[in-house]
Amino acid sequence: MKPELQAKITEAIWVGESLFCRGKTAGSSANLSFRHEDYIYITGSGTCFGKLTQESFSRVDMNGRHIDGIAPSKELPLHFMLYKQSEKVQAVIHTHSFYSTLWSCLEHECEEDCIPSYTPYLKMKLGTVGLVPYAKPGSKELFAAFAACMNRSDGYLLKNHGPIVADKDLMSAFYCLEELEESAHIAWELRNEKNKFLIN
């Protein structure tokens, strides 16, 4: 294996383990991918972020054809759409992190920018976060809903499901995801405090 590819896989394993060990995802509910040369490497179907190895990745070409490795995540089309959107996209991460998922279950007045900017860091790291209408995970309906929302926002919350972000490399995508989750946490806590004040 070429050193550059090995470095990307090692980084992907670290990102997965970090997210899993800090409770940002659970079980086999998350998936991540990165681009290397003319291929996308994505975590396989049913893999756990806490136990990723070199064998946990599927290699797919830019036409969506499975080349080798284990079967790719069923949510590969979400990743694929982001890679096709821009050549600047070199990595994608999707989790079911708690506060982002919780926030995605609410109704929002502005679905193209659904997380308030209580701190400057979400806009600095990621930008706007759009809400994608609910559809069953891995379904054609979800992929169609996601496609319809693309180009409206910089990151996304799949309704009643979780966040998905893309960036120039895995660590940049990781930082975006972390800021999205922290911003959703702040938004949730402030919403609860406001509701307590209104009740009292």
C-alpha atoms as a PDB file:
ATOM      1  CA  MET A   1       0.000   0.000   0.000  1.00  0.00           C
ATOM      2  CA  LYS A   2       1.312   3.458  -0.913  1.00  0.00           C
ATOM      3  CA  PRO A   3       2.322   5.649   2.055  1.00  0.00           C
ATOM      4  CA  GLU A   4      -0.209   8.377   1.198  1.00  0.00           C
ATOM      5  CA  LEU A   5      -3.105   5.911   1.145  1.00  0.00           C
ATOM      6  CA  GLN A   6      -1.858   4.263   4.328  1.00  0.00           C
ATOM      7  CA  ALA A   7      -1.758   7.665   6.039  1.00  0.00           C
ATOM      8  CA  LYS A   8      -5.359   8.401   5.025  1.00  0.00           C
ATOM      9  CA  ILE A   9      -6.587   5.021   6.288  1.00  0.00           C
ATOM     10  CA  THR A  10      -4.710   5.496   9.579  1.00  0.00           C
ATOM     11  CA  GLU A  11      -6.317   8.932   9.953  1.00  0.00           C
ATOM     12  CA  ALA A  12      -9.774   7.528   9.146  1.00  0.00           C
ATOM     13  CA  ILE A  13      -9.348   4.845  11.812  1.00  0.00           C
ATOM     14  CA  TRP A  14      -8.333   7.506  14.360  1.00  0.00           C
ATOM     15  CA  VAL A  15     -11.318   9.712  13.475  1.00  0.00           C
ATOM     16  CA  GLY A  16     -13.722   6.791  13.819  1.00  0.00           C
ATOM     17  CA  GLU A  17     -12.270   5.678  17.135  1.00  0.00           C
ATOM     18  CA  SER A  18     -12.286   9.214  18.529  1.00  0.00           C
ATOM     19  CA  LEU A  19     -15.944   9.736  17.632  1.00  0.00           C
ATOM     20  CA  PHE A  20     -16.954   6.332  18.989  1.00  0.00           C
ATOM     21  CA  CYS A  21     -15.028   6.550  22.256  1.00  0.00           C
ATOM     22  CA  ARG A  22     -16.522   9.970  23.044  1.00  0.00           C
ATOM     23  CA  GLY A  23     -20.086   8.839  22.387  1.00  0.00           C
ATOM     24  CA  LYS A  24     -20.532  10.779  19.127  1.00  0.00           C
ATOM     25  CA  THR A  25     -21.809   7.611  17.472  1.00  0.00           C
ATOM     26  CA  ALA A  26     -22.830   4.132  18.564  1.00  0.00           C
ATOM     27  CA  GLY A  27     -22.977   0.602  17.203  1.00  0.00           C
ATOM     28  CA  SER A  28     -22.666   0.470  13.423  1.00  0.00           C
ATOM     29  CA  SER A  29     -24.704   3.614  12.781  1.00  0.00           C
ATOM     30  CA  ALA A  30     -22.013   5.850  11.221  1.00  0.00           C
ATOM     31  CA  ASN A  31     -20.002   5.958   8.011  1.00  0.00           C
ATOM     32  CA  LEU A  32     -17.086   7.958   6.655  1.00  0.00           C
ATOM     33  CA  SER A  33     -15.198   8.133   3.406  1.00  0.00           C
ATOM     34  CA  PHE A  34     -12.252   9.803   1.752  1.00  0.00           C
ATOM     35  CA  ARG A  35     -11.061  10.227  -1.800  1.00  0.00           C
ATOM     36  CA  HIS A  36      -7.688   8.931  -2.969  1.00  0.00           C
ATOM     37  CA  GLU A  37      -6.680   9.361  -6.604  1.00  0.00           C
ATOM     38  CA  ASP A  38      -9.688   8.199  -8.656  1.00  0.00           C
ATOM     39  CA  TYR A  39     -11.359   6.160  -5.920  1.00  0.00           C
ATOM     40  CA  ILE A  40     -13.552   6.637  -2.880  1.00  0.00           C
ATOM     41  CA  TYR A  41     -12.722   4.592   0.219  1.00  0.00           C
ATOM     42  CA  ILE A  42     -15.785   4.223   2.460  1.00  0.00           C
ATOM     43  CA  THR A  43     -16.417   2.265   5.619  1.00  0.00           C
ATOM     44  CA  GLY A  44     -18.163  -0.987   4.903  1.00  0.00           C
ATOM     45  CA  SER A  45     -21.725  -1.968   5.659  1.00  0.00           C
ATOM     46  CA  GLY A  46     -22.185  -2.845   9.335  1.00  0.00           C
ATOM     47  CA  THR A  47     -18.774  -1.607  10.484  1.00  0.00           C
ATOM     48  CA  CYS A  48     -18.328  -0.014  13.910  1.00  0.00           C
ATOM     49  CA  PHE A  49     -16.300   3.185  14.295  1.00  0.00           C
ATOM     50  CA  GLY A  50     -14.798   1.772  17.488  1.00  0.00           C
ATOM     51  CA  LYS A  51     -13.284  -1.239  15.702  1.00  0.00           C
ATOM     52  CA  LEU A  52     -12.141   0.040  12.300  1.00  0.00           C
ATOM     53  CA  THR A  53      -9.157  -1.660  10.641  1.00  0.00           C
ATOM     54  CA  GLN A  54      -7.615  -1.515   7.182  1.00  0.00           C
ATOM     55  CA  GLU A  55     -10.080  -4.222   6.158  1.00  0.00           C
ATOM     56  CA  SER A  56     -13.071  -2.070   7.165  1.00  0.00           C
ATOM     57  CA  PHE A  57     -12.997  -0.043   3.946  1.00  0.00           C
ATOM     58  CA  SER A  58     -14.575  -0.587   0.562  1.00  0.00           C
ATOM     59  CA  ARG A  59     -13.009   0.857  -2.601  1.00  0.00           C
ATOM     60  CA  VAL A  60     -15.427   2.381  -5.113  1.00  0.00           C
ATOM     61  CA  ASP A  61     -14.664   4.122  -8.407  1.00  0.00           C
ATOM     62  CA  MET A  62     -16.047   7.522  -9.382  1.00  0.00           C
ATOM     63  CA  ASN A  63     -18.854   5.843 -11.317  1.00  0.00           C
ATOM     64  CA  GLY A  64     -20.079   4.235  -8.097  1.00  0.00           C
ATOM     65  CA  ARG A  65     -18.813   0.759  -8.992  1.00  0.00           C
ATOM     66  CA  HIS A  66     -17.570  -1.430  -6.119  1.00  0.00           C
ATOM     67  CA  ILE A  67     -13.979  -2.361  -6.963  1.00  0.00           C
ATOM     68  CA  ASP A  68     -12.796  -4.367  -3.961  1.00  0.00           C
ATOM     69  CA  GLY A  69     -12.972  -4.701  -0.192  1.00  0.00           C
ATOM     70  CA  ILE A  70     -16.085  -5.384   1.833  1.00  0.00           C
ATOM     71  CA  ALA A  71     -19.532  -4.210   0.761  1.00  0.00           C
ATOM     72  CA  PRO A  72     -19.795  -0.397   1.019  1.00  0.00           C
ATOM     73  CA  SER A  73     -22.154   1.379   3.405  1.00  0.00           C
ATOM     74  CA  LYS A  74     -25.721   1.536   2.136  1.00  0.00           C
ATOM     75  CA  GLU A  75     -25.467   5.330   2.419  1.00  0.00           C
ATOM     76  CA  LEU A  76     -22.685   5.517  -0.186  1.00  0.00           C
ATOM     77  CA  PRO A  77     -24.998   7.529  -2.538  1.00  0.00           C
ATOM     78  CA  LEU A  78     -25.057  10.401  -0.010  1.00  0.00           C
ATOM     79  CA  HIS A  79     -21.263  10.514  -0.010  1.00  0.00           C
ATOM     80  CA  PHE A  80     -21.118  10.104  -3.780  1.00  0.00           C
ATOM     81  CA  MET A  81     -23.376  13.114  -4.361  1.00  0.00           C
ATOM     82  CA  LEU A  82     -21.108  15.307  -2.248  1.00  0.00           C
ATOM     83  CA  TYR A  83     -18.008  14.184  -4.146  1.00  0.00           C
ATOM     84  CA  LYS A  84     -19.746  14.867  -7.452  1.00  0.00           C
ATOM     85  CA  GLN A  85     -20.820  18.304  -6.229  1.00  0.00           C
ATOM     86  CA  SER A  86     -17.270  19.642  -5.994  1.00  0.00           C
ATOM     87  CA  GLU A  87     -13.708  18.491  -6.602  1.00  0.00           C
ATOM     88  CA  LYS A  88     -12.815  20.303  -3.374  1.00  0.00           C
ATOM     89  CA  VAL A  89     -14.659  17.593  -1.432  1.00  0.00           C
ATOM     90  CA  GLN A  90     -12.124  14.956  -0.398  1.00  0.00           C
ATOM     91  CA  ALA A  91     -13.805  13.486   2.690  1.00  0.00           C
ATOM     92  CA  VAL A  92     -17.314  12.929   4.080  1.00  0.00           C
ATOM     93  CA  ILE A  93     -18.483  11.944   7.585  1.00  0.00           C
ATOM     94  CA  HIS A  94     -21.991  10.928   8.663  1.00  0.00           C
ATOM     95  CA  THR A  95     -22.898  10.082  12.255  1.00  0.00           C
ATOM     96  CA  HIS A  96     -25.938   9.897  14.522  1.00  0.00           C
ATOM     97  CA  SER A  97     -24.385  12.147  17.181  1.00  0.00           C
ATOM     98  CA  PHE A  98     -26.835  12.852  19.994  1.00  0.00           C
ATOM     99  CA  TYR A  99     -27.491  16.611  19.960  1.00  0.00           C
ATOM    100  CA  SER A 100     -27.358  16.967  16.179  1.00  0.00           C
ATOM    101  CA  THR A 101     -29.888  14.152  15.840  1.00  0.00           C
ATOM    102  CA  LEU A 102     -32.021  15.622  18.621  1.00  0.00           C
ATOM    103  CA  TRP A 103     -32.015  19.017  16.881  1.00  0.00           C
ATOM    104  CA  SER A 104     -32.935  17.348  13.583  1.00  0.00           C
ATOM    105  CA  CYS A 105     -36.146  16.033  15.159  1.00  0.00           C
ATOM    106  CA  LEU A 106     -37.503  19.557  15.727  1.00  0.00           C
ATOM    107  CA  GLU A 107     -39.350  21.787  13.297  1.00  0.00           C
ATOM    108  CA  HIS A 108     -37.299  24.749  12.067  1.00  0.00           C
ATOM    109  CA  GLU A 109     -38.438  28.000  10.502  1.00  0.00           C
ATOM    110  CA  CYS A 110     -35.376  28.230   8.252  1.00  0.00           C
ATOM    111  CA  GLU A 111     -34.521  24.814   6.880  1.00  0.00           C
ATOM    112  CA  GLU A 112     -31.522  26.100   4.886  1.00  0.00           C
ATOM    113  CA  ASP A 113     -29.827  27.330   8.092  1.00  0.00           C
ATOM    114  CA  CYS A 114     -31.432  25.494  10.987  1.00  0.00           C
ATOM    115  CA  ILE A 115     -28.841  25.898  13.773  1.00  0.00           C
ATOM    116  CA  PRO A 116     -28.658  29.376  15.382  1.00  0.00           C
ATOM    117  CA  SER A 117     -25.251  31.094  15.418  1.00  0.00           C
ATOM    118  CA  TYR A 118     -24.900  31.515  19.171  1.00  0.00           C
ATOM    119  CA  THR A 119     -21.121  31.332  18.784  1.00  0.00           C
ATOM    120  CA  PRO A 120     -19.114  32.297  15.655  1.00  0.00           C
ATOM    121  CA  TYR A 121     -17.406  28.929  15.272  1.00  0.00           C
ATOM    122  CA  LEU A 122     -20.039  26.988  13.342  1.00  0.00           C
ATOM    123  CA  LYS A 123     -20.067  29.564  10.557  1.00  0.00           C
ATOM    124  CA  MET A 124     -16.271  29.812  10.683  1.00  0.00           C
ATOM    125  CA  LYS A 125     -15.686  26.060  10.440  1.00  0.00           C
ATOM    126  CA  LEU A 126     -18.647  24.876   8.381  1.00  0.00           C
ATOM    127  CA  GLY A 127     -21.201  27.499   7.400  1.00  0.00           C
ATOM    128  CA  THR A 128     -24.945  26.982   7.188  1.00  0.00           C
ATOM    129  CA  VAL A 129     -26.603  23.697   8.144  1.00  0.00           C
ATOM    130  CA  GLY A 130     -29.620  22.596   6.119  1.00  0.00           C
ATOM    131  CA  LEU A 131     -32.379  20.231   7.208  1.00  0.00           C
ATOM    132  CA  VAL A 132     -33.126  17.371   4.806  1.00  0.00           C
ATOM    133  CA  PRO A 133     -36.710  15.982   4.932  1.00  0.00           C
ATOM    134  CA  TYR A 134     -37.083  12.570   6.540  1.00  0.00           C
ATOM    135  CA  ALA A 135     -36.934   9.377   4.546  1.00  0.00           C
ATOM    136  CA  LYS A 136     -35.890   5.879   5.552  1.00  0.00           C
ATOM    137  CA  PRO A 137     -32.082   5.510   5.913  1.00  0.00           C
ATOM    138  CA  GLY A 138     -30.482   4.057   2.803  1.00  0.00           C
ATOM    139  CA  SER A 139     -33.637   4.543   0.714  1.00  0.00           C
ATOM    140  CA  LYS A 140     -34.058   6.044  -2.752  1.00  0.00           C
ATOM    141  CA  GLU A 141     -36.417   8.563  -1.170  1.00  0.00           C
ATOM    142  CA  LEU A 142     -33.666   9.765   1.173  1.00  0.00           C
ATOM    143  CA  PHE A 143     -31.193  10.107  -1.677  1.00  0.00           C
ATOM    144  CA  ALA A 144     -33.738  12.095  -3.697  1.00  0.00           C
ATOM    145  CA  ALA A 145     -34.504  14.371  -0.738  1.00  0.00           C
ATOM    146  CA  PHE A 146     -30.794  14.953  -0.173  1.00  0.00           C
ATOM    147  CA  ALA A 147     -30.191  15.739  -3.840  1.00  0.00           C
ATOM    148  CA  ALA A 148     -33.008  18.304  -3.747  1.00  0.00           C
ATOM    149  CA  CYS A 149     -31.398  20.101  -0.778  1.00  0.00           C
ATOM    150  CA  MET A 150     -27.852  20.204  -2.093  1.00  0.00           C
ATOM    151  CA  ASN A 151     -26.321  23.596  -2.959  1.00  0.00           C
ATOM    152  CA  ARG A 152     -28.600  25.311  -0.415  1.00  0.00           C
ATOM    153  CA  SER A 153     -26.340  24.795   2.616  1.00  0.00           C
ATOM    154  CA  ASP A 154     -22.772  23.920   3.615  1.00  0.00           C
ATOM    155  CA  GLY A 155     -23.560  20.982   5.905  1.00  0.00           C
ATOM    156  CA  TYR A 156     -26.692  18.940   6.507  1.00  0.00           C
ATOM    157  CA  LEU A 157     -28.912  17.374   9.146  1.00  0.00           C
ATOM    158  CA  LEU A 158     -30.911  14.421   7.883  1.00  0.00           C
ATOM    159  CA  LYS A 159     -34.227  14.812   9.718  1.00  0.00           C
ATOM    160  CA  ASN A 160     -34.682  12.334  12.596  1.00  0.00           C
ATOM    161  CA  HIS A 161     -31.383  10.776  11.517  1.00  0.00           C
ATOM    162  CA  GLY A 162     -28.168  12.778  11.960  1.00  0.00           C
ATOM    163  CA  PRO A 163     -25.507  15.051  10.464  1.00  0.00           C
ATOM    164  CA  ILE A 164     -23.450  14.685   7.300  1.00  0.00           C
ATOM    165  CA  VAL A 165     -20.555  16.990   6.427  1.00  0.00           C
ATOM    166  CA  ALA A 166     -17.888  17.169   3.734  1.00  0.00           C
ATOM    167  CA  ASP A 167     -14.575  18.997   3.427  1.00  0.00           C
ATOM    168  CA  LYS A 168     -11.119  19.093   1.837  1.00  0.00           C
ATOM    169  CA  ASP A 169      -9.765  16.229   4.000  1.00  0.00           C
ATOM    170  CA  LEU A 170     -10.832  13.964   6.850  1.00  0.00           C
ATOM    171  CA  MET A 171      -9.548  16.143   9.685  1.00  0.00           C
ATOM    172  CA  SER A 172     -11.290  19.217   8.284  1.00  0.00           C
ATOM    173  CA  ALA A 173     -14.550  17.254   8.000  1.00  0.00           C
ATOM    174  CA  PHE A 174     -13.997  15.976  11.549  1.00  0.00           C
ATOM    175  CA  TYR A 175     -13.606  19.543  12.851  1.00  0.00           C
ATOM    176  CA  CYS A 176     -16.795  20.585  11.043  1.00  0.00           C
ATOM    177  CA  LEU A 177     -18.720  17.682  12.532  1.00  0.00           C
ATOM    178  CA  GLU A 178     -17.437  18.470  16.023  1.00  0.00           C
ATOM    179  CA  GLU A 179     -18.489  22.115  15.734  1.00  0.00           C
ATOM    180  CA  LEU A 180     -21.901  21.136  14.361  1.00  0.00           C
ATOM    181  CA  GLU A 181     -22.494  18.809  17.321  1.00  0.00           C
ATOM    182  CA  GLU A 182     -21.350  21.407  19.870  1.00  0.00           C
ATOM    183  CA  SER A 183     -23.534  24.080  18.261  1.00  0.00           C
ATOM    184  CA  ALA A 184     -26.557  21.758  18.341  1.00  0.00           C
ATOM    185  CA  HIS A 185     -25.803  21.066  22.019  1.00  0.00           C
ATOM    186  CA  ILE A 186     -25.691  24.798  22.827  1.00  0.00           C
ATOM    187  CA  ALA A 187     -28.875  25.428  20.834  1.00  0.00           C
ATOM    188  CA  TRP A 188     -30.691  22.623  22.661  1.00  0.00           C
ATOM    189  CA  GLU A 189     -29.629  23.807  26.127  1.00  0.00           C
ATOM    190  CA  LEU A 190     -30.574  27.428  25.407  1.00  0.00           C
ATOM    191  CA  ARG A 191     -33.931  26.290  24.023  1.00  0.00           C
ATOM    192  CA  ASN A 192     -34.602  24.405  27.251  1.00  0.00           C
ATOM    193  CA  GLU A 193     -33.588  27.382  29.381  1.00  0.00           C
ATOM    194  CA  LYS A 194     -35.923  29.635  27.380  1.00  0.00           C
ATOM    195  CA  ASN A 195     -38.791  27.154  27.813  1.00  0.00           C
ATOM    196  CA  LYS A 196     -38.182  26.993  31.596  1.00  0.00           C
ATOM    197  CA  PHE A 197     -38.314  30.801  31.763  1.00  0.00           C
ATOM    198  CA  LEU A 198     -41.591  30.897  29.811  1.00  0.00           C
ATOM    199  CA  ILE A 199     -43.156  28.217  32.031  1.00  0.00           C
ATOM    200  CA  ASN A 200     -42.095  29.974  35.244  1.00  0.00           C
END
